[in-house]
Amino acid sequence: AVFDNNVITADRGIASAVAEYGADVLLVDPGTIVLEGYGYGFIGGALVCVSDDTLVSFGDIRCHMQAEEVLSFVADKGFKIVRSGDLPICDHGGILVLNV
């Protein structure tokens, strides 16, 4: 998940690369993100930035094993997470937000 100059990822290579460019990074475990047909999904497909201060999670971010860390990281950056339901967080591949 990318928002402002911040990245939340489960990929150590991505975390290292973006940190070199000055991004603040939170490394998470992907284990509790659902992706049908696979063992787990990715946070980038389950959490999307929709405005200057809001991220939306596909499902309930509180179901993620590191939910408190994610919520704290996001809040420390001046953002909030709006959950789209009470089901476990799920990787839908992301969405495209257009400013019209």
C-alpha atoms as a PDB file:
ATOM      1  CA  ALA A   1       0.000   0.000   0.000  1.00  0.00           C
ATOM      2  CA  VAL A   2       1.419   3.349  -1.009  1.00  0.00           C
ATOM      3  CA  PHE A   3       0.225   6.665   0.395  1.00  0.00           C
ATOM      4  CA  ASP A   4       1.980  10.002   0.454  1.00  0.00           C
ATOM      5  CA  ASN A   5       5.669   9.084   1.002  1.00  0.00           C
ATOM      6  CA  ASN A   6       4.775   5.932   2.941  1.00  0.00           C
ATOM      7  CA  VAL A   7       4.713   2.257   2.031  1.00  0.00           C
ATOM      8  CA  ILE A   8       3.246  -0.788   3.756  1.00  0.00           C
ATOM      9  CA  THR A   9       4.536  -4.025   2.240  1.00  0.00           C
ATOM     10  CA  ALA A  10       5.337  -7.658   2.985  1.00  0.00           C
ATOM     11  CA  ASP A  11       8.120  -7.698   0.405  1.00  0.00           C
ATOM     12  CA  ARG A  12      11.556  -7.141   1.952  1.00  0.00           C
ATOM     13  CA  GLY A  13      13.079  -6.203  -1.426  1.00  0.00           C
ATOM     14  CA  ILE A  14      10.474  -3.492  -2.038  1.00  0.00           C
ATOM     15  CA  ALA A  15      10.845  -2.275   1.546  1.00  0.00           C
ATOM     16  CA  SER A  16      14.600  -1.920   1.148  1.00  0.00           C
ATOM     17  CA  ALA A  17      14.402  -0.257  -2.268  1.00  0.00           C
ATOM     18  CA  VAL A  18      11.812   2.394  -1.332  1.00  0.00           C
ATOM     19  CA  ALA A  19      13.536   3.118   1.978  1.00  0.00           C
ATOM     20  CA  GLU A  20      16.663   4.043  -0.007  1.00  0.00           C
ATOM     21  CA  TYR A  21      14.572   6.766  -1.685  1.00  0.00           C
ATOM     22  CA  GLY A  22      13.394   8.168   1.641  1.00  0.00           C
ATOM     23  CA  ALA A  23      10.002   6.504   2.000  1.00  0.00           C
ATOM     24  CA  ASP A  24       8.818   5.521   5.457  1.00  0.00           C
ATOM     25  CA  VAL A  25       8.193   1.771   5.392  1.00  0.00           C
ATOM     26  CA  LEU A  26       6.212  -0.654   7.524  1.00  0.00           C
ATOM     27  CA  LEU A  27       7.073  -4.293   6.795  1.00  0.00           C
ATOM     28  CA  VAL A  28       4.142  -6.629   7.501  1.00  0.00           C
ATOM     29  CA  ASP A  29       3.384 -10.334   7.320  1.00  0.00           C
ATOM     30  CA  PRO A  30       0.962 -11.189   4.487  1.00  0.00           C
ATOM     31  CA  GLY A  31      -0.408 -14.270   6.249  1.00  0.00           C
ATOM     32  CA  THR A  32      -3.818 -12.889   7.175  1.00  0.00           C
ATOM     33  CA  ILE A  33      -4.732 -11.278   3.850  1.00  0.00           C
ATOM     34  CA  VAL A  34      -7.140 -13.433   1.848  1.00  0.00           C
ATOM     35  CA  LEU A  35      -6.589 -13.988  -1.888  1.00  0.00           C
ATOM     36  CA  GLU A  36      -8.859 -16.678  -3.284  1.00  0.00           C
ATOM     37  CA  GLY A  37      -6.927 -19.547  -4.812  1.00  0.00           C
ATOM     38  CA  TYR A  38      -3.662 -18.617  -3.054  1.00  0.00           C
ATOM     39  CA  GLY A  39      -2.162 -19.056   0.398  1.00  0.00           C
ATOM     40  CA  TYR A  40      -2.250 -15.323   1.077  1.00  0.00           C
ATOM     41  CA  GLY A  41      -2.706 -11.947  -0.571  1.00  0.00           C
ATOM     42  CA  PHE A  42      -0.796  -8.689  -0.503  1.00  0.00           C
ATOM     43  CA  ILE A  43      -1.483  -5.535   1.489  1.00  0.00           C
ATOM     44  CA  GLY A  44      -1.161  -3.423  -1.671  1.00  0.00           C
ATOM     45  CA  GLY A  45      -4.200  -5.148  -3.127  1.00  0.00           C
ATOM     46  CA  ALA A  46      -6.139  -4.901   0.124  1.00  0.00           C
ATOM     47  CA  LEU A  47      -5.515  -1.288   1.181  1.00  0.00           C
ATOM     48  CA  VAL A  48      -5.833   1.746  -1.082  1.00  0.00           C
ATOM     49  CA  CYS A  49      -5.405   5.502  -0.664  1.00  0.00           C
ATOM     50  CA  VAL A  50      -8.589   7.317  -1.738  1.00  0.00           C
ATOM     51  CA  SER A  51      -7.925  10.887  -0.552  1.00  0.00           C
ATOM     52  CA  ASP A  52      -5.393  13.159   1.149  1.00  0.00           C
ATOM     53  CA  ASP A  53      -5.993  11.505   4.522  1.00  0.00           C
ATOM     54  CA  THR A  54      -7.971   8.304   3.978  1.00  0.00           C
ATOM     55  CA  LEU A  55      -7.159   4.707   3.112  1.00  0.00           C
ATOM     56  CA  VAL A  56      -9.838   2.070   2.497  1.00  0.00           C
ATOM     57  CA  SER A  57      -9.325  -1.568   3.419  1.00  0.00           C
ATOM     58  CA  PHE A  58     -11.135  -4.308   1.531  1.00  0.00           C
ATOM     59  CA  GLY A  59     -12.567  -6.014   4.595  1.00  0.00           C
ATOM     60  CA  ASP A  60     -11.665  -5.350   8.200  1.00  0.00           C
ATOM     61  CA  ILE A  61      -8.032  -4.301   8.729  1.00  0.00           C
ATOM     62  CA  ARG A  62      -8.442  -5.360  12.359  1.00  0.00           C
ATOM     63  CA  CYS A  63      -8.371  -8.982  11.143  1.00  0.00           C
ATOM     64  CA  HIS A  64      -4.726  -8.600  10.094  1.00  0.00           C
ATOM     65  CA  MET A  65      -2.247 -10.074  12.605  1.00  0.00           C
ATOM     66  CA  GLN A  66      -0.409  -6.719  12.719  1.00  0.00           C
ATOM     67  CA  ALA A  67      -3.507  -4.524  12.720  1.00  0.00           C
ATOM     68  CA  GLU A  68      -2.363  -2.373  15.633  1.00  0.00           C
ATOM     69  CA  GLU A  69       0.989  -1.699  13.960  1.00  0.00           C
ATOM     70  CA  VAL A  70      -0.703  -0.823  10.660  1.00  0.00           C
ATOM     71  CA  LEU A  71      -3.275   1.436  12.316  1.00  0.00           C
ATOM     72  CA  SER A  72      -0.588   3.168  14.376  1.00  0.00           C
ATOM     73  CA  PHE A  73       1.723   3.654  11.353  1.00  0.00           C
ATOM     74  CA  VAL A  74      -1.129   5.113   9.296  1.00  0.00           C
ATOM     75  CA  ALA A  75      -2.322   7.377  12.140  1.00  0.00           C
ATOM     76  CA  ASP A  76       1.232   8.633  12.754  1.00  0.00           C
ATOM     77  CA  LYS A  77       1.269   9.775   9.105  1.00  0.00           C
ATOM     78  CA  GLY A  78      -1.999  11.713   9.538  1.00  0.00           C
ATOM     79  CA  PHE A  79      -4.180   9.166   7.744  1.00  0.00           C
ATOM     80  CA  LYS A  80      -7.117   7.014   8.790  1.00  0.00           C
ATOM     81  CA  ILE A  81      -8.353   3.655   7.530  1.00  0.00           C
ATOM     82  CA  VAL A  82     -11.996   3.133   6.639  1.00  0.00           C
ATOM     83  CA  ARG A  83     -12.932  -0.522   6.474  1.00  0.00           C
ATOM     84  CA  SER A  84     -15.336  -1.721   3.808  1.00  0.00           C
ATOM     85  CA  GLY A  85     -16.876  -4.450   5.937  1.00  0.00           C
ATOM     86  CA  ASP A  86     -16.468  -6.890   8.776  1.00  0.00           C
ATOM     87  CA  LEU A  87     -15.023  -9.764   6.739  1.00  0.00           C
ATOM     88  CA  PRO A  88     -11.307 -10.607   6.859  1.00  0.00           C
ATOM     89  CA  ILE A  89      -9.081  -8.264   4.869  1.00  0.00           C
ATOM     90  CA  CYS A  90      -8.896  -9.405   1.247  1.00  0.00           C
ATOM     91  CA  ASP A  91      -6.630  -8.687  -1.722  1.00  0.00           C
ATOM     92  CA  HIS A  92      -8.745  -7.420  -4.631  1.00  0.00           C
ATOM     93  CA  GLY A  93      -5.779  -6.101  -6.605  1.00  0.00           C
ATOM     94  CA  GLY A  94      -6.461  -2.477  -5.715  1.00  0.00           C
ATOM     95  CA  ILE A  95      -8.593   0.197  -7.303  1.00  0.00           C
ATOM     96  CA  LEU A  96      -7.935   3.216  -9.451  1.00  0.00           C
ATOM     97  CA  VAL A  97      -9.050   6.492  -7.887  1.00  0.00           C
ATOM     98  CA  LEU A  98      -9.695   9.281 -10.372  1.00  0.00           C
ATOM     99  CA  ASN A  99      -9.959  12.925  -9.368  1.00  0.00           C
ATOM    100  CA  VAL A 100     -12.760  14.203 -11.572  1.00  0.00           C
END
